[in-house]
């Protein structure tokens, strides 16, 4: 069942169609996960300001440190192609297998990357277990008092 985190105040809220498309693309991206060590597969689909969707999956490494989360994969792909405006990201993740059994919230490093490129009051984060069972929150709700580019001005 869909549930919205209370007090979400977005300038440009997502439509139901956009939410469903992002979750579907995140599920597809999860199938590309390279996770031979943790066996935890994550997929992300990000909606850019211009409407394009950029996906990413987690990519593990035997040395662990070089491992990259799905969210950062999507951001780095987008930024490397010149995309700098983002509206939302959908994230799905669970242990290996077709079934999504839990919500996969972004780690602290991914939240910090989001803070670099997104307005915390408006950037929407969707964590989903299915097309019908998901939560939506803003980056500001997920990372209150975050440190970003504005702090350096």
C-alpha atoms as a PDB file:
ATOM      1  CA  UNK A   1       0.000   0.000   0.000  1.00  0.00           C
ATOM      2  CA  UNK A   2       1.230   3.456  -0.924  1.00  0.00           C
ATOM      3  CA  UNK A   3       1.961   5.834   1.913  1.00  0.00           C
ATOM      4  CA  UNK A   4       3.243   9.392   1.798  1.00  0.00           C
ATOM      5  CA  UNK A   5       5.514  10.654   4.543  1.00  0.00           C
ATOM      6  CA  UNK A   6       3.696  13.442   6.401  1.00  0.00           C
ATOM      7  CA  UNK A   7       4.433  17.120   5.772  1.00  0.00           C
ATOM      8  CA  UNK A   8       5.976  16.634   2.338  1.00  0.00           C
ATOM      9  CA  UNK A   9       5.939  20.036   0.656  1.00  0.00           C
ATOM     10  CA  UNK A  10       7.362  19.811  -2.829  1.00  0.00           C
ATOM     11  CA  UNK A  11       7.317  22.608  -5.353  1.00  0.00           C
ATOM     12  CA  UNK A  12       6.960  20.133  -8.205  1.00  0.00           C
ATOM     13  CA  UNK A  13       5.346  16.916  -6.880  1.00  0.00           C
ATOM     14  CA  UNK A  14       5.471  13.751  -8.945  1.00  0.00           C
ATOM     15  CA  UNK A  15       2.468  12.429 -10.802  1.00  0.00           C
ATOM     16  CA  UNK A  16       1.266   8.875 -10.198  1.00  0.00           C
ATOM     17  CA  UNK A  17       2.474   7.996 -13.718  1.00  0.00           C
ATOM     18  CA  UNK A  18       5.981   9.330 -12.966  1.00  0.00           C
ATOM     19  CA  UNK A  19       6.122   7.407  -9.684  1.00  0.00           C
ATOM     20  CA  UNK A  20       5.113   4.150 -11.363  1.00  0.00           C
ATOM     21  CA  UNK A  21       7.576   4.633 -14.211  1.00  0.00           C
ATOM     22  CA  UNK A  22      10.455   5.346 -11.834  1.00  0.00           C
ATOM     23  CA  UNK A  23       9.716   2.307  -9.675  1.00  0.00           C
ATOM     24  CA  UNK A  24       9.453   0.098 -12.767  1.00  0.00           C
ATOM     25  CA  UNK A  25      12.778   1.372 -14.124  1.00  0.00           C
ATOM     26  CA  UNK A  26      14.440   0.894 -10.711  1.00  0.00           C
ATOM     27  CA  UNK A  27      13.228  -2.725 -10.648  1.00  0.00           C
ATOM     28  CA  UNK A  28      14.690  -3.239 -14.140  1.00  0.00           C
ATOM     29  CA  UNK A  29      17.994  -1.662 -13.050  1.00  0.00           C
ATOM     30  CA  UNK A  30      18.148  -3.955 -10.001  1.00  0.00           C
ATOM     31  CA  UNK A  31      18.298  -6.922 -12.384  1.00  0.00           C
ATOM     32  CA  UNK A  32      21.669  -5.591 -13.635  1.00  0.00           C
ATOM     33  CA  UNK A  33      23.201  -5.483 -10.138  1.00  0.00           C
ATOM     34  CA  UNK A  34      26.730  -6.828  -9.780  1.00  0.00           C
ATOM     35  CA  UNK A  35      26.639  -8.037  -6.178  1.00  0.00           C
ATOM     36  CA  UNK A  36      28.619 -11.305  -5.881  1.00  0.00           C
ATOM     37  CA  UNK A  37      29.750 -10.548  -2.305  1.00  0.00           C
ATOM     38  CA  UNK A  38      26.752  -9.146  -0.438  1.00  0.00           C
ATOM     39  CA  UNK A  39      24.129 -10.762  -2.691  1.00  0.00           C
ATOM     40  CA  UNK A  40      22.063  -7.623  -2.037  1.00  0.00           C
ATOM     41  CA  UNK A  41      20.733  -6.209  -5.302  1.00  0.00           C
ATOM     42  CA  UNK A  42      19.808  -2.539  -5.618  1.00  0.00           C
ATOM     43  CA  UNK A  43      18.408  -0.567  -8.534  1.00  0.00           C
ATOM     44  CA  UNK A  44      17.735   3.144  -8.864  1.00  0.00           C
ATOM     45  CA  UNK A  45      15.947   5.292 -11.431  1.00  0.00           C
ATOM     46  CA  UNK A  46      16.321   9.049 -11.329  1.00  0.00           C
ATOM     47  CA  UNK A  47      14.115  11.654 -12.979  1.00  0.00           C
ATOM     48  CA  UNK A  48      16.108  14.565 -14.365  1.00  0.00           C
ATOM     49  CA  UNK A  49      14.735  18.079 -14.637  1.00  0.00           C
ATOM     50  CA  UNK A  50      14.391  17.668 -18.406  1.00  0.00           C
ATOM     51  CA  UNK A  51      12.279  14.509 -18.014  1.00  0.00           C
ATOM     52  CA  UNK A  52      14.862  11.884 -18.897  1.00  0.00           C
ATOM     53  CA  UNK A  53      15.294   8.871 -16.625  1.00  0.00           C
ATOM     54  CA  UNK A  54      18.784   7.728 -15.661  1.00  0.00           C
ATOM     55  CA  UNK A  55      19.213   4.326 -14.028  1.00  0.00           C
ATOM     56  CA  UNK A  56      21.904   2.728 -11.924  1.00  0.00           C
ATOM     57  CA  UNK A  57      22.604  -0.481 -10.048  1.00  0.00           C
ATOM     58  CA  UNK A  58      24.990  -1.365  -7.262  1.00  0.00           C
ATOM     59  CA  UNK A  59      28.406  -2.512  -8.448  1.00  0.00           C
ATOM     60  CA  UNK A  60      30.508  -4.366  -5.896  1.00  0.00           C
ATOM     61  CA  UNK A  61      34.246  -4.955  -5.808  1.00  0.00           C
ATOM     62  CA  UNK A  62      36.326  -7.622  -4.068  1.00  0.00           C
ATOM     63  CA  UNK A  63      38.233  -4.835  -2.279  1.00  0.00           C
ATOM     64  CA  UNK A  64      34.891  -3.470  -0.946  1.00  0.00           C
ATOM     65  CA  UNK A  65      36.003   0.203  -0.884  1.00  0.00           C
ATOM     66  CA  UNK A  66      35.529   0.701  -4.643  1.00  0.00           C
ATOM     67  CA  UNK A  67      31.958  -0.622  -4.414  1.00  0.00           C
ATOM     68  CA  UNK A  68      29.383   1.856  -5.725  1.00  0.00           C
ATOM     69  CA  UNK A  69      25.734   2.140  -4.721  1.00  0.00           C
ATOM     70  CA  UNK A  70      22.937   2.202  -7.297  1.00  0.00           C
ATOM     71  CA  UNK A  71      22.011   5.790  -6.433  1.00  0.00           C
ATOM     72  CA  UNK A  72      25.526   7.097  -6.974  1.00  0.00           C
ATOM     73  CA  UNK A  73      25.846   5.096 -10.175  1.00  0.00           C
ATOM     74  CA  UNK A  74      22.760   6.905 -11.502  1.00  0.00           C
ATOM     75  CA  UNK A  75      24.017  10.317 -10.357  1.00  0.00           C
ATOM     76  CA  UNK A  76      27.510   9.824 -11.758  1.00  0.00           C
ATOM     77  CA  UNK A  77      26.132   8.629 -15.107  1.00  0.00           C
ATOM     78  CA  UNK A  78      23.883  11.690 -15.301  1.00  0.00           C
ATOM     79  CA  UNK A  79      26.475  14.233 -14.235  1.00  0.00           C
ATOM     80  CA  UNK A  80      29.078  12.772 -16.610  1.00  0.00           C
ATOM     81  CA  UNK A  81      26.596  13.439 -19.440  1.00  0.00           C
ATOM     82  CA  UNK A  82      26.002  17.037 -18.349  1.00  0.00           C
ATOM     83  CA  UNK A  83      22.730  16.560 -16.466  1.00  0.00           C
ATOM     84  CA  UNK A  84      22.624  18.776 -13.373  1.00  0.00           C
ATOM     85  CA  UNK A  85      18.934  19.137 -12.466  1.00  0.00           C
ATOM     86  CA  UNK A  86      17.035  16.341 -10.744  1.00  0.00           C
ATOM     87  CA  UNK A  87      13.464  15.944  -9.469  1.00  0.00           C
ATOM     88  CA  UNK A  88      13.331  12.477  -7.926  1.00  0.00           C
ATOM     89  CA  UNK A  89      14.877   9.049  -7.508  1.00  0.00           C
ATOM     90  CA  UNK A  90      13.263   5.640  -6.934  1.00  0.00           C
ATOM     91  CA  UNK A  91      15.259   2.970  -5.115  1.00  0.00           C
ATOM     92  CA  UNK A  92      14.533  -0.736  -4.771  1.00  0.00           C
ATOM     93  CA  UNK A  93      16.692  -3.324  -3.077  1.00  0.00           C
ATOM     94  CA  UNK A  94      16.604  -6.679  -1.335  1.00  0.00           C
ATOM     95  CA  UNK A  95      18.664  -9.853  -1.100  1.00  0.00           C
ATOM     96  CA  UNK A  96      19.083 -11.753  -4.377  1.00  0.00           C
ATOM     97  CA  UNK A  97      15.921 -13.044  -5.972  1.00  0.00           C
ATOM     98  CA  UNK A  98      12.934 -11.622  -7.746  1.00  0.00           C
ATOM     99  CA  UNK A  99      11.020 -10.648  -4.606  1.00  0.00           C
ATOM    100  CA  UNK A 100      11.515  -7.251  -2.998  1.00  0.00           C
ATOM    101  CA  UNK A 101      11.277  -7.949   0.730  1.00  0.00           C
ATOM    102  CA  UNK A 102      12.385  -4.636   2.246  1.00  0.00           C
ATOM    103  CA  UNK A 103      12.738  -0.921   1.651  1.00  0.00           C
ATOM    104  CA  UNK A 104      16.244   0.114   0.586  1.00  0.00           C
ATOM    105  CA  UNK A 105      16.906   3.589   1.937  1.00  0.00           C
ATOM    106  CA  UNK A 106      19.977   5.403   0.595  1.00  0.00           C
ATOM    107  CA  UNK A 107      23.159   5.202   2.652  1.00  0.00           C
ATOM    108  CA  UNK A 108      24.783   8.300   4.121  1.00  0.00           C
ATOM    109  CA  UNK A 109      27.267   8.686   1.255  1.00  0.00           C
ATOM    110  CA  UNK A 110      24.436   8.593  -1.305  1.00  0.00           C
ATOM    111  CA  UNK A 111      22.467  11.136   0.711  1.00  0.00           C
ATOM    112  CA  UNK A 112      25.494  13.430   0.650  1.00  0.00           C
ATOM    113  CA  UNK A 113      25.839  13.061  -3.136  1.00  0.00           C
ATOM    114  CA  UNK A 114      22.151  13.930  -3.479  1.00  0.00           C
ATOM    115  CA  UNK A 115      22.760  17.004  -1.307  1.00  0.00           C
ATOM    116  CA  UNK A 116      25.432  18.185  -3.758  1.00  0.00           C
ATOM    117  CA  UNK A 117      23.063  18.271  -6.716  1.00  0.00           C
ATOM    118  CA  UNK A 118      19.516  18.534  -5.347  1.00  0.00           C
ATOM    119  CA  UNK A 119      17.325  20.987  -3.515  1.00  0.00           C
ATOM    120  CA  UNK A 120      16.643  19.225  -0.193  1.00  0.00           C
ATOM    121  CA  UNK A 121      13.182  20.777   0.090  1.00  0.00           C
ATOM    122  CA  UNK A 122      12.089  19.577  -3.349  1.00  0.00           C
ATOM    123  CA  UNK A 123      14.067  16.461  -4.381  1.00  0.00           C
ATOM    124  CA  UNK A 124      11.825  13.427  -3.847  1.00  0.00           C
ATOM    125  CA  UNK A 125      13.074   9.994  -2.809  1.00  0.00           C
ATOM    126  CA  UNK A 126      10.881   6.953  -3.407  1.00  0.00           C
ATOM    127  CA  UNK A 127      11.757   3.695  -1.666  1.00  0.00           C
ATOM    128  CA  UNK A 128       9.662   0.781  -2.880  1.00  0.00           C
ATOM    129  CA  UNK A 129       8.936  -2.873  -2.237  1.00  0.00           C
ATOM    130  CA  UNK A 130       6.564  -3.021  -5.201  1.00  0.00           C
ATOM    131  CA  UNK A 131       4.661  -0.820  -7.620  1.00  0.00           C
ATOM    132  CA  UNK A 132       1.985  -0.409  -4.944  1.00  0.00           C
ATOM    133  CA  UNK A 133       4.033  -0.432  -1.723  1.00  0.00           C
ATOM    134  CA  UNK A 134       6.328   2.567  -1.448  1.00  0.00           C
ATOM    135  CA  UNK A 135       7.229   5.604   0.635  1.00  0.00           C
ATOM    136  CA  UNK A 136       8.035   9.102  -0.649  1.00  0.00           C
ATOM    137  CA  UNK A 137      10.019  11.734   1.220  1.00  0.00           C
ATOM    138  CA  UNK A 138      12.111  14.758   0.404  1.00  0.00           C
ATOM    139  CA  UNK A 139      15.883  14.779   0.743  1.00  0.00           C
ATOM    140  CA  UNK A 140      15.466  17.339   3.533  1.00  0.00           C
ATOM    141  CA  UNK A 141      13.298  14.907   5.476  1.00  0.00           C
ATOM    142  CA  UNK A 142      15.822  12.109   4.979  1.00  0.00           C
ATOM    143  CA  UNK A 143      18.880  14.302   5.662  1.00  0.00           C
ATOM    144  CA  UNK A 144      17.848  17.108   8.021  1.00  0.00           C
ATOM    145  CA  UNK A 145      20.469  19.783   8.589  1.00  0.00           C
ATOM    146  CA  UNK A 146      22.492  18.428   5.649  1.00  0.00           C
ATOM    147  CA  UNK A 147      25.722  20.058   4.477  1.00  0.00           C
ATOM    148  CA  UNK A 148      25.780  21.171   0.859  1.00  0.00           C
ATOM    149  CA  UNK A 149      27.085  23.779  -1.571  1.00  0.00           C
ATOM    150  CA  UNK A 150      25.013  26.537   0.092  1.00  0.00           C
ATOM    151  CA  UNK A 151      27.057  26.098   3.270  1.00  0.00           C
ATOM    152  CA  UNK A 152      30.198  27.196   1.419  1.00  0.00           C
ATOM    153  CA  UNK A 153      28.760  30.473   0.130  1.00  0.00           C
END
